[in-house]
N, C-alpha and C. Protein backbone atom coordinates (compact mmCIF):
# COMPACT_ATOMS: atom_id res chain seq x y z
N MET A 1 -49.97 1.99 -12.78
CA MET A 1 -48.72 2.03 -12.04
C MET A 1 -47.60 1.59 -12.99
N ARG A 2 -46.49 2.35 -12.95
CA ARG A 2 -45.39 2.05 -13.86
C ARG A 2 -44.07 2.47 -13.22
N VAL A 3 -42.98 2.06 -13.85
CA VAL A 3 -41.66 2.52 -13.45
C VAL A 3 -41.49 3.90 -14.10
N ILE A 4 -41.10 4.89 -13.30
CA ILE A 4 -41.05 6.28 -13.75
C ILE A 4 -39.77 6.61 -14.52
N ALA A 5 -38.61 6.13 -14.03
CA ALA A 5 -37.32 6.51 -14.65
C ALA A 5 -36.31 5.39 -14.51
N GLY A 6 -35.19 5.54 -15.23
CA GLY A 6 -34.10 4.59 -15.13
C GLY A 6 -34.14 3.50 -16.18
N ASP A 7 -33.47 2.37 -15.87
CA ASP A 7 -33.33 1.26 -16.81
C ASP A 7 -34.66 0.67 -17.28
N ARG A 8 -35.65 0.66 -16.42
CA ARG A 8 -36.94 0.04 -16.75
C ARG A 8 -38.05 1.09 -16.93
N LYS A 9 -37.66 2.30 -17.29
CA LYS A 9 -38.61 3.41 -17.45
C LYS A 9 -39.77 2.99 -18.35
N GLY A 10 -40.99 3.30 -17.90
CA GLY A 10 -42.20 3.01 -18.66
C GLY A 10 -42.76 1.62 -18.47
N MET A 11 -42.02 0.74 -17.80
CA MET A 11 -42.49 -0.64 -17.59
C MET A 11 -43.74 -0.62 -16.70
N PRO A 12 -44.85 -1.16 -17.21
CA PRO A 12 -46.07 -1.20 -16.37
C PRO A 12 -45.91 -2.22 -15.25
N LEU A 13 -46.41 -1.86 -14.07
CA LEU A 13 -46.37 -2.76 -12.91
C LEU A 13 -47.78 -3.14 -12.53
N LYS A 14 -47.94 -4.39 -12.18
CA LYS A 14 -49.24 -4.90 -11.80
C LYS A 14 -49.52 -4.54 -10.34
N ALA A 15 -50.66 -3.93 -10.10
CA ALA A 15 -51.08 -3.59 -8.73
C ALA A 15 -52.20 -4.52 -8.32
N ILE A 16 -52.37 -4.68 -7.02
CA ILE A 16 -53.43 -5.55 -6.52
C ILE A 16 -54.71 -4.76 -6.36
N ASN A 17 -55.81 -5.36 -6.75
CA ASN A 17 -57.12 -4.73 -6.57
C ASN A 17 -57.62 -5.01 -5.15
N GLY A 18 -58.36 -4.06 -4.62
CA GLY A 18 -58.92 -4.26 -3.29
C GLY A 18 -58.32 -3.31 -2.28
N SER A 19 -58.61 -3.57 -1.01
CA SER A 19 -58.21 -2.64 0.05
C SER A 19 -57.05 -3.15 0.90
N THR A 20 -56.45 -4.28 0.53
CA THR A 20 -55.36 -4.82 1.35
C THR A 20 -54.06 -4.07 1.17
N THR A 21 -53.86 -3.43 0.02
CA THR A 21 -52.66 -2.63 -0.19
C THR A 21 -53.06 -1.27 -0.77
N ARG A 22 -52.14 -0.34 -0.71
CA ARG A 22 -52.39 1.02 -1.17
C ARG A 22 -51.15 1.47 -1.94
N PRO A 23 -51.09 1.20 -3.25
CA PRO A 23 -49.89 1.54 -4.01
C PRO A 23 -49.61 3.04 -4.00
N THR A 24 -48.35 3.39 -3.92
CA THR A 24 -47.93 4.78 -4.02
C THR A 24 -48.18 5.23 -5.46
N THR A 25 -48.87 6.34 -5.62
CA THR A 25 -49.19 6.81 -6.97
C THR A 25 -47.92 7.20 -7.72
N ASP A 26 -47.99 7.16 -9.04
CA ASP A 26 -46.84 7.52 -9.87
C ASP A 26 -46.38 8.95 -9.58
N LYS A 27 -47.33 9.86 -9.36
CA LYS A 27 -47.00 11.26 -9.09
C LYS A 27 -46.20 11.38 -7.79
N VAL A 28 -46.66 10.70 -6.74
CA VAL A 28 -45.97 10.74 -5.45
C VAL A 28 -44.61 10.06 -5.57
N LYS A 29 -44.57 8.94 -6.28
CA LYS A 29 -43.32 8.21 -6.45
C LYS A 29 -42.27 9.08 -7.17
N GLU A 30 -42.70 9.78 -8.20
CA GLU A 30 -41.78 10.64 -8.94
C GLU A 30 -41.23 11.75 -8.04
N SER A 31 -42.09 12.36 -7.27
CA SER A 31 -41.68 13.42 -6.35
C SER A 31 -40.72 12.88 -5.29
N LEU A 32 -41.07 11.73 -4.73
CA LEU A 32 -40.24 11.09 -3.70
C LEU A 32 -38.82 10.84 -4.22
N PHE A 33 -38.70 10.30 -5.42
CA PHE A 33 -37.37 10.00 -5.95
C PHE A 33 -36.62 11.26 -6.39
N ASN A 34 -37.32 12.30 -6.77
CA ASN A 34 -36.64 13.56 -7.05
C ASN A 34 -36.01 14.11 -5.78
N ILE A 35 -36.64 13.89 -4.65
CA ILE A 35 -36.10 14.32 -3.36
C ILE A 35 -34.90 13.45 -2.97
N LEU A 36 -34.99 12.16 -3.21
CA LEU A 36 -33.95 11.22 -2.79
C LEU A 36 -32.68 11.27 -3.64
N GLY A 37 -32.79 11.66 -4.89
CA GLY A 37 -31.59 11.49 -5.71
C GLY A 37 -31.46 12.36 -6.92
N PRO A 38 -32.06 12.02 -7.96
CA PRO A 38 -33.05 10.99 -8.25
C PRO A 38 -32.47 9.64 -8.68
N PHE A 39 -31.12 9.55 -8.86
CA PHE A 39 -30.53 8.28 -9.27
C PHE A 39 -29.50 7.83 -8.25
N PHE A 40 -29.15 6.53 -8.30
CA PHE A 40 -28.24 5.94 -7.33
C PHE A 40 -27.08 5.26 -8.05
N TYR A 41 -25.98 5.13 -7.33
CA TYR A 41 -24.79 4.47 -7.88
C TYR A 41 -24.49 3.26 -7.01
N GLY A 42 -25.35 2.24 -7.13
CA GLY A 42 -25.19 1.03 -6.33
C GLY A 42 -25.92 1.16 -5.01
N GLY A 43 -25.75 0.13 -4.18
CA GLY A 43 -26.39 0.11 -2.88
C GLY A 43 -27.54 -0.89 -2.82
N THR A 44 -28.10 -1.01 -1.63
CA THR A 44 -29.19 -1.94 -1.37
C THR A 44 -30.42 -1.19 -0.91
N VAL A 45 -31.56 -1.55 -1.47
CA VAL A 45 -32.84 -1.00 -1.04
C VAL A 45 -33.60 -2.09 -0.30
N LEU A 46 -34.20 -1.72 0.83
CA LEU A 46 -35.06 -2.62 1.61
C LEU A 46 -36.47 -2.05 1.55
N ASP A 47 -37.38 -2.80 0.99
CA ASP A 47 -38.77 -2.37 0.84
C ASP A 47 -39.64 -3.22 1.77
N LEU A 48 -39.85 -2.71 3.00
CA LEU A 48 -40.72 -3.38 3.96
C LEU A 48 -42.16 -3.05 3.59
N PHE A 49 -43.09 -3.97 3.77
CA PHE A 49 -44.48 -3.77 3.36
C PHE A 49 -44.50 -3.42 1.87
N ALA A 50 -43.84 -4.23 1.07
CA ALA A 50 -43.56 -3.92 -0.33
C ALA A 50 -44.79 -3.81 -1.22
N GLY A 51 -45.88 -4.48 -0.86
CA GLY A 51 -47.04 -4.47 -1.75
C GLY A 51 -46.64 -5.06 -3.08
N SER A 52 -46.90 -4.35 -4.17
CA SER A 52 -46.53 -4.81 -5.51
C SER A 52 -45.09 -4.49 -5.87
N GLY A 53 -44.37 -3.82 -4.97
CA GLY A 53 -42.95 -3.58 -5.16
C GLY A 53 -42.59 -2.30 -5.89
N GLY A 54 -43.55 -1.42 -6.09
CA GLY A 54 -43.32 -0.22 -6.88
C GLY A 54 -42.15 0.64 -6.42
N LEU A 55 -41.99 0.84 -5.11
CA LEU A 55 -40.91 1.70 -4.62
C LEU A 55 -39.55 1.03 -4.78
N GLY A 56 -39.43 -0.21 -4.36
CA GLY A 56 -38.16 -0.92 -4.47
C GLY A 56 -37.73 -1.14 -5.91
N ILE A 57 -38.68 -1.47 -6.77
CA ILE A 57 -38.38 -1.66 -8.19
C ILE A 57 -37.92 -0.34 -8.81
N GLU A 58 -38.56 0.75 -8.43
CA GLU A 58 -38.16 2.07 -8.92
C GLU A 58 -36.72 2.37 -8.51
N ALA A 59 -36.36 2.04 -7.26
CA ALA A 59 -34.99 2.26 -6.79
C ALA A 59 -33.99 1.43 -7.58
N LEU A 60 -34.35 0.19 -7.90
CA LEU A 60 -33.47 -0.66 -8.71
C LEU A 60 -33.31 -0.06 -10.11
N SER A 61 -34.40 0.38 -10.70
CA SER A 61 -34.36 0.97 -12.03
C SER A 61 -33.48 2.21 -12.05
N ARG A 62 -33.41 2.91 -10.92
CA ARG A 62 -32.64 4.15 -10.83
C ARG A 62 -31.22 3.92 -10.32
N GLY A 63 -30.78 2.66 -10.23
CA GLY A 63 -29.37 2.40 -9.96
C GLY A 63 -29.01 1.61 -8.72
N MET A 64 -29.95 1.32 -7.83
CA MET A 64 -29.62 0.45 -6.70
C MET A 64 -29.26 -0.92 -7.28
N GLU A 65 -28.26 -1.60 -6.68
CA GLU A 65 -27.84 -2.87 -7.28
C GLU A 65 -28.50 -4.09 -6.66
N LYS A 66 -29.12 -3.92 -5.47
CA LYS A 66 -29.77 -5.06 -4.83
C LYS A 66 -31.04 -4.59 -4.14
N GLY A 67 -32.06 -5.43 -4.16
CA GLY A 67 -33.33 -5.12 -3.50
C GLY A 67 -33.78 -6.27 -2.61
N ILE A 68 -34.28 -5.93 -1.43
CA ILE A 68 -34.87 -6.90 -0.52
C ILE A 68 -36.31 -6.46 -0.30
N PHE A 69 -37.24 -7.36 -0.60
CA PHE A 69 -38.66 -7.05 -0.53
C PHE A 69 -39.35 -7.94 0.49
N ILE A 70 -40.16 -7.32 1.36
CA ILE A 70 -40.91 -8.05 2.37
C ILE A 70 -42.39 -7.75 2.16
N GLU A 71 -43.20 -8.78 2.02
CA GLU A 71 -44.65 -8.59 1.89
C GLU A 71 -45.37 -9.79 2.50
N LYS A 72 -46.35 -9.53 3.31
CA LYS A 72 -47.09 -10.58 4.01
C LYS A 72 -48.31 -11.08 3.23
N ASP A 73 -49.04 -10.17 2.58
CA ASP A 73 -50.28 -10.51 1.88
C ASP A 73 -50.00 -11.40 0.67
N SER A 74 -50.70 -12.52 0.57
CA SER A 74 -50.40 -13.51 -0.48
C SER A 74 -50.66 -12.97 -1.89
N LYS A 75 -51.75 -12.23 -2.10
CA LYS A 75 -52.03 -11.69 -3.44
C LYS A 75 -51.00 -10.63 -3.82
N ALA A 76 -50.69 -9.75 -2.89
CA ALA A 76 -49.68 -8.72 -3.16
C ALA A 76 -48.33 -9.37 -3.43
N PHE A 77 -48.00 -10.42 -2.66
CA PHE A 77 -46.73 -11.12 -2.82
C PHE A 77 -46.63 -11.72 -4.23
N GLN A 78 -47.72 -12.28 -4.72
CA GLN A 78 -47.73 -12.86 -6.06
C GLN A 78 -47.48 -11.78 -7.11
N ASN A 79 -48.15 -10.62 -6.95
CA ASN A 79 -47.92 -9.49 -7.88
C ASN A 79 -46.48 -9.01 -7.80
N LEU A 80 -45.96 -8.93 -6.59
CA LEU A 80 -44.57 -8.50 -6.37
C LEU A 80 -43.62 -9.40 -7.15
N LYS A 81 -43.78 -10.70 -7.01
CA LYS A 81 -42.91 -11.64 -7.73
C LYS A 81 -43.04 -11.47 -9.24
N GLU A 82 -44.28 -11.29 -9.72
CA GLU A 82 -44.50 -11.11 -11.16
C GLU A 82 -43.86 -9.81 -11.65
N ASN A 83 -43.96 -8.75 -10.87
CA ASN A 83 -43.38 -7.47 -11.27
C ASN A 83 -41.85 -7.55 -11.32
N ILE A 84 -41.26 -8.22 -10.35
CA ILE A 84 -39.80 -8.39 -10.34
C ILE A 84 -39.35 -9.20 -11.55
N GLU A 85 -40.10 -10.26 -11.84
CA GLU A 85 -39.79 -11.10 -13.00
C GLU A 85 -39.95 -10.31 -14.31
N LYS A 86 -41.04 -9.57 -14.42
CA LYS A 86 -41.31 -8.77 -15.61
C LYS A 86 -40.19 -7.75 -15.86
N CYS A 87 -39.66 -7.19 -14.77
CA CYS A 87 -38.58 -6.19 -14.87
C CYS A 87 -37.19 -6.84 -14.95
N ARG A 88 -37.15 -8.15 -14.90
CA ARG A 88 -35.91 -8.93 -14.98
C ARG A 88 -34.93 -8.58 -13.85
N TYR A 89 -35.45 -8.52 -12.62
CA TYR A 89 -34.62 -8.23 -11.46
C TYR A 89 -34.47 -9.44 -10.52
N GLU A 90 -34.78 -10.62 -11.01
CA GLU A 90 -34.71 -11.82 -10.15
C GLU A 90 -33.32 -12.02 -9.54
N GLU A 91 -32.27 -11.76 -10.31
CA GLU A 91 -30.90 -11.99 -9.84
C GLU A 91 -30.45 -10.96 -8.81
N GLN A 92 -31.12 -9.82 -8.78
CA GLN A 92 -30.73 -8.72 -7.90
C GLN A 92 -31.59 -8.62 -6.64
N THR A 93 -32.55 -9.52 -6.50
CA THR A 93 -33.51 -9.35 -5.41
C THR A 93 -33.65 -10.59 -4.53
N GLU A 94 -34.05 -10.31 -3.30
CA GLU A 94 -34.51 -11.33 -2.36
C GLU A 94 -35.93 -10.94 -2.02
N VAL A 95 -36.85 -11.91 -2.08
CA VAL A 95 -38.26 -11.64 -1.85
C VAL A 95 -38.75 -12.59 -0.77
N PHE A 96 -39.36 -12.02 0.29
CA PHE A 96 -39.82 -12.83 1.40
C PHE A 96 -41.29 -12.57 1.68
N ARG A 97 -42.06 -13.65 1.76
CA ARG A 97 -43.46 -13.53 2.18
C ARG A 97 -43.46 -13.75 3.69
N ASN A 98 -43.51 -12.64 4.41
CA ASN A 98 -43.38 -12.71 5.86
C ASN A 98 -43.90 -11.43 6.48
N ASP A 99 -44.20 -11.51 7.75
CA ASP A 99 -44.54 -10.33 8.52
C ASP A 99 -43.28 -9.46 8.63
N ALA A 100 -43.43 -8.16 8.51
CA ALA A 100 -42.28 -7.25 8.50
C ALA A 100 -41.47 -7.33 9.80
N THR A 101 -42.13 -7.48 10.92
CA THR A 101 -41.41 -7.56 12.20
C THR A 101 -40.52 -8.80 12.25
N ARG A 102 -41.06 -9.93 11.84
CA ARG A 102 -40.27 -11.17 11.79
C ARG A 102 -39.13 -11.06 10.79
N ALA A 103 -39.45 -10.51 9.64
CA ALA A 103 -38.44 -10.38 8.59
C ALA A 103 -37.30 -9.47 9.05
N LEU A 104 -37.64 -8.40 9.75
CA LEU A 104 -36.61 -7.49 10.25
C LEU A 104 -35.68 -8.21 11.22
N LYS A 105 -36.25 -9.04 12.09
CA LYS A 105 -35.42 -9.82 13.03
C LYS A 105 -34.45 -10.72 12.27
N ALA A 106 -34.92 -11.34 11.21
CA ALA A 106 -34.06 -12.21 10.39
C ALA A 106 -32.97 -11.41 9.70
N LEU A 107 -33.31 -10.23 9.22
CA LEU A 107 -32.32 -9.37 8.55
C LEU A 107 -31.26 -8.90 9.55
N ILE A 108 -31.68 -8.60 10.77
CA ILE A 108 -30.74 -8.20 11.82
C ILE A 108 -29.78 -9.35 12.12
N LYS A 109 -30.33 -10.54 12.22
CA LYS A 109 -29.51 -11.73 12.50
C LYS A 109 -28.48 -11.97 11.39
N ARG A 110 -28.87 -11.69 10.15
CA ARG A 110 -27.98 -11.86 9.00
C ARG A 110 -27.03 -10.67 8.82
N GLU A 111 -27.20 -9.66 9.65
CA GLU A 111 -26.40 -8.43 9.59
C GLU A 111 -26.52 -7.74 8.23
N VAL A 112 -27.73 -7.73 7.69
CA VAL A 112 -28.02 -7.05 6.44
C VAL A 112 -27.99 -5.55 6.69
N GLN A 113 -27.44 -4.83 5.74
CA GLN A 113 -27.41 -3.37 5.83
C GLN A 113 -27.91 -2.79 4.51
N ALA A 114 -28.84 -1.83 4.61
CA ALA A 114 -29.43 -1.21 3.43
C ALA A 114 -29.10 0.28 3.38
N ASP A 115 -29.01 0.80 2.17
CA ASP A 115 -28.72 2.21 1.95
C ASP A 115 -29.99 3.04 1.88
N LEU A 116 -31.09 2.38 1.53
CA LEU A 116 -32.37 3.05 1.41
C LEU A 116 -33.44 2.10 1.92
N ILE A 117 -34.24 2.57 2.86
CA ILE A 117 -35.29 1.72 3.44
C ILE A 117 -36.63 2.42 3.30
N PHE A 118 -37.59 1.70 2.71
CA PHE A 118 -38.96 2.19 2.60
C PHE A 118 -39.82 1.48 3.63
N LEU A 119 -40.56 2.27 4.41
CA LEU A 119 -41.46 1.74 5.43
C LEU A 119 -42.84 2.31 5.13
N ASP A 120 -43.71 1.46 4.60
CA ASP A 120 -45.04 1.90 4.18
C ASP A 120 -46.08 0.89 4.66
N PRO A 121 -46.26 0.79 6.01
CA PRO A 121 -47.22 -0.19 6.52
C PRO A 121 -48.66 0.27 6.30
N PRO A 122 -49.61 -0.65 6.52
CA PRO A 122 -51.02 -0.22 6.45
C PRO A 122 -51.20 0.99 7.38
N TYR A 123 -51.91 1.99 6.90
CA TYR A 123 -52.03 3.24 7.65
C TYR A 123 -52.59 3.07 9.07
N ALA A 124 -53.46 2.09 9.26
CA ALA A 124 -54.06 1.89 10.58
C ALA A 124 -53.07 1.26 11.58
N LYS A 125 -51.95 0.76 11.09
CA LYS A 125 -50.99 0.04 11.94
C LYS A 125 -49.85 0.97 12.38
N HIS A 126 -50.15 1.96 13.17
CA HIS A 126 -49.16 2.94 13.61
C HIS A 126 -48.01 2.31 14.38
N SER A 127 -48.26 1.19 15.04
CA SER A 127 -47.20 0.54 15.85
C SER A 127 -46.01 0.11 15.00
N TYR A 128 -46.22 -0.13 13.72
CA TYR A 128 -45.12 -0.57 12.86
C TYR A 128 -44.02 0.48 12.71
N TYR A 129 -44.35 1.74 12.92
CA TYR A 129 -43.33 2.78 12.78
C TYR A 129 -42.27 2.70 13.89
N LYS A 130 -42.58 1.96 14.97
CA LYS A 130 -41.59 1.73 16.02
C LYS A 130 -40.42 0.88 15.50
N MET A 131 -40.64 0.22 14.37
CA MET A 131 -39.58 -0.58 13.74
C MET A 131 -38.39 0.28 13.35
N VAL A 132 -38.62 1.56 13.11
CA VAL A 132 -37.53 2.45 12.70
C VAL A 132 -36.45 2.46 13.78
N GLU A 133 -36.84 2.44 15.05
CA GLU A 133 -35.87 2.38 16.15
C GLU A 133 -35.00 1.13 16.04
N ASP A 134 -35.63 -0.02 15.80
CA ASP A 134 -34.88 -1.28 15.67
C ASP A 134 -33.96 -1.24 14.46
N ILE A 135 -34.43 -0.65 13.38
CA ILE A 135 -33.62 -0.54 12.16
C ILE A 135 -32.35 0.25 12.45
N ILE A 136 -32.50 1.36 13.16
CA ILE A 136 -31.35 2.21 13.46
C ILE A 136 -30.44 1.58 14.51
N LYS A 137 -31.02 1.12 15.61
CA LYS A 137 -30.23 0.53 16.72
C LYS A 137 -29.39 -0.65 16.26
N ASN A 138 -29.93 -1.43 15.34
CA ASN A 138 -29.26 -2.66 14.90
C ASN A 138 -28.46 -2.49 13.62
N GLY A 139 -28.28 -1.28 13.18
CA GLY A 139 -27.42 -1.02 12.02
C GLY A 139 -27.95 -1.56 10.70
N VAL A 140 -29.27 -1.74 10.58
CA VAL A 140 -29.83 -2.23 9.32
C VAL A 140 -29.72 -1.14 8.25
N VAL A 141 -29.74 0.11 8.68
CA VAL A 141 -29.57 1.22 7.75
C VAL A 141 -28.11 1.66 7.79
N ALA A 142 -27.52 1.84 6.63
CA ALA A 142 -26.12 2.28 6.52
C ALA A 142 -25.98 3.68 7.13
N ALA A 143 -24.77 4.01 7.56
CA ALA A 143 -24.53 5.32 8.18
C ALA A 143 -24.92 6.47 7.27
N ASP A 144 -24.73 6.30 5.97
CA ASP A 144 -25.12 7.36 5.04
C ASP A 144 -26.47 7.05 4.36
N GLY A 145 -27.20 6.11 4.95
CA GLY A 145 -28.47 5.68 4.37
C GLY A 145 -29.64 6.58 4.75
N LYS A 146 -30.77 6.31 4.12
CA LYS A 146 -31.99 7.07 4.37
C LYS A 146 -33.14 6.12 4.64
N ILE A 147 -34.05 6.59 5.48
CA ILE A 147 -35.28 5.86 5.77
C ILE A 147 -36.44 6.74 5.33
N VAL A 148 -37.34 6.17 4.56
CA VAL A 148 -38.49 6.90 4.05
C VAL A 148 -39.76 6.23 4.57
N CYS A 149 -40.57 6.99 5.32
CA CYS A 149 -41.80 6.48 5.90
C CYS A 149 -43.00 7.14 5.24
N GLU A 150 -43.90 6.32 4.74
CA GLU A 150 -45.14 6.84 4.17
C GLU A 150 -46.25 6.58 5.17
N HIS A 151 -47.03 7.63 5.48
CA HIS A 151 -48.09 7.49 6.47
C HIS A 151 -49.22 8.47 6.19
N ASP A 152 -50.33 8.30 6.90
CA ASP A 152 -51.44 9.22 6.69
C ASP A 152 -51.28 10.47 7.55
N THR A 153 -52.10 11.45 7.27
CA THR A 153 -51.97 12.75 7.92
C THR A 153 -52.36 12.73 9.39
N THR A 154 -53.00 11.66 9.86
CA THR A 154 -53.38 11.59 11.28
C THR A 154 -52.20 11.20 12.16
N LEU A 155 -51.12 10.76 11.57
CA LEU A 155 -49.95 10.32 12.33
C LEU A 155 -48.82 11.34 12.19
N LYS A 156 -48.32 11.80 13.30
CA LYS A 156 -47.17 12.71 13.31
C LYS A 156 -45.96 11.91 13.79
N LEU A 157 -45.01 11.68 12.90
CA LEU A 157 -43.80 10.97 13.28
C LEU A 157 -42.83 11.95 13.93
N PRO A 158 -42.00 11.46 14.87
CA PRO A 158 -41.09 12.36 15.58
C PRO A 158 -40.02 12.96 14.67
N ASP A 159 -39.50 14.12 15.07
CA ASP A 159 -38.44 14.78 14.31
C ASP A 159 -37.11 14.06 14.47
N GLN A 160 -36.98 13.29 15.56
CA GLN A 160 -35.74 12.57 15.86
C GLN A 160 -36.09 11.14 16.27
N ILE A 161 -35.43 10.17 15.66
CA ILE A 161 -35.55 8.76 16.07
C ILE A 161 -34.13 8.25 16.23
N GLU A 162 -33.77 7.96 17.48
CA GLU A 162 -32.39 7.57 17.77
C GLU A 162 -31.45 8.65 17.22
N THR A 163 -30.50 8.26 16.38
CA THR A 163 -29.54 9.22 15.82
C THR A 163 -29.99 9.78 14.47
N PHE A 164 -31.16 9.42 14.03
CA PHE A 164 -31.66 9.88 12.73
C PHE A 164 -32.65 11.02 12.92
N THR A 165 -32.53 12.00 12.02
CA THR A 165 -33.35 13.20 12.05
C THR A 165 -34.26 13.24 10.83
N LYS A 166 -35.50 13.69 11.06
CA LYS A 166 -36.40 13.92 9.93
C LYS A 166 -35.92 15.20 9.25
N TYR A 167 -35.41 15.06 8.03
CA TYR A 167 -34.87 16.22 7.33
C TYR A 167 -35.85 16.81 6.33
N ARG A 168 -36.94 16.09 6.07
CA ARG A 168 -37.94 16.61 5.15
C ARG A 168 -39.24 15.86 5.35
N GLU A 169 -40.33 16.57 5.12
CA GLU A 169 -41.66 15.97 5.20
C GLU A 169 -42.50 16.59 4.10
N GLU A 170 -43.12 15.75 3.29
CA GLU A 170 -43.94 16.23 2.18
C GLU A 170 -45.35 15.65 2.29
N LYS A 171 -46.34 16.50 2.02
CA LYS A 171 -47.74 16.07 2.09
C LYS A 171 -48.32 15.97 0.68
N TYR A 172 -48.99 14.87 0.42
CA TYR A 172 -49.65 14.63 -0.86
C TYR A 172 -51.07 14.16 -0.54
N GLY A 173 -52.03 15.06 -0.53
CA GLY A 173 -53.41 14.70 -0.19
C GLY A 173 -53.48 14.17 1.23
N SER A 174 -53.91 12.92 1.39
CA SER A 174 -54.02 12.32 2.73
C SER A 174 -52.77 11.55 3.12
N THR A 175 -51.71 11.69 2.33
CA THR A 175 -50.46 10.96 2.57
C THR A 175 -49.34 11.93 2.93
N ILE A 176 -48.53 11.52 3.90
CA ILE A 176 -47.32 12.26 4.24
C ILE A 176 -46.13 11.33 4.05
N ILE A 177 -45.05 11.86 3.50
CA ILE A 177 -43.81 11.09 3.39
C ILE A 177 -42.77 11.81 4.24
N SER A 178 -42.22 11.06 5.21
CA SER A 178 -41.20 11.60 6.11
C SER A 178 -39.85 10.98 5.75
N PHE A 179 -38.83 11.82 5.61
CA PHE A 179 -37.49 11.40 5.20
C PHE A 179 -36.55 11.53 6.39
N TYR A 180 -35.82 10.46 6.70
CA TYR A 180 -34.87 10.45 7.82
C TYR A 180 -33.47 10.12 7.33
N ARG A 181 -32.47 10.74 7.98
CA ARG A 181 -31.07 10.41 7.75
C ARG A 181 -30.30 10.68 9.03
N LEU A 182 -29.08 10.16 9.06
CA LEU A 182 -28.23 10.33 10.25
C LEU A 182 -27.96 11.80 10.47
N GLU A 183 -28.14 12.23 11.71
CA GLU A 183 -27.86 13.62 12.04
C GLU A 183 -26.35 13.81 12.05
N GLU A 184 -25.89 14.76 11.26
CA GLU A 184 -24.46 15.03 11.18
C GLU A 184 -24.02 15.95 12.30
N GLU A 185 -22.76 15.81 12.70
CA GLU A 185 -22.20 16.67 13.75
C GLU A 185 -22.32 18.12 13.34
N GLY A 186 -22.71 18.97 14.30
CA GLY A 186 -22.79 20.39 14.04
C GLY A 186 -24.05 20.86 13.35
N GLU A 187 -24.99 19.95 13.12
CA GLU A 187 -26.26 20.35 12.47
C GLU A 187 -27.17 20.97 13.49
């Protein structure tokens, strides 16, 4: 696992061994960011269920100016902190070892707003995708922001969640990535 492009291109990232996390492969990550940009001019990325931080760190390397990482698993959290330190992003990041639902409530209370949100919960935990409604209803995602959900092929996410529309869906083996953004008038 490595950073694919940007300021930290080629930087190896430490992944956790075992079945508690499922890092997004470099191939999928590269494709995902080609769809999203591939580069950014500032903004905040929120990486819920961050694991080792590969997606959020990639967004920072490609131009996001701030990252917020949420990870509950203690081993993954330790790797996440090491990866952020290795990439020298300590000053640009907030890292929380917490359950994503609790962390989201705290972010709502702080009125945090992100331009790019990654939601990649454990595949068996389908209920976590209901968080997208809370993210949208509470303005955690910026009006011109995007929400990216990674899930397995057994789960079909809706085409519309609140005011956000699924504008693209890509399949990579047993993984699907669904992309959401605010539905524009007249679409």
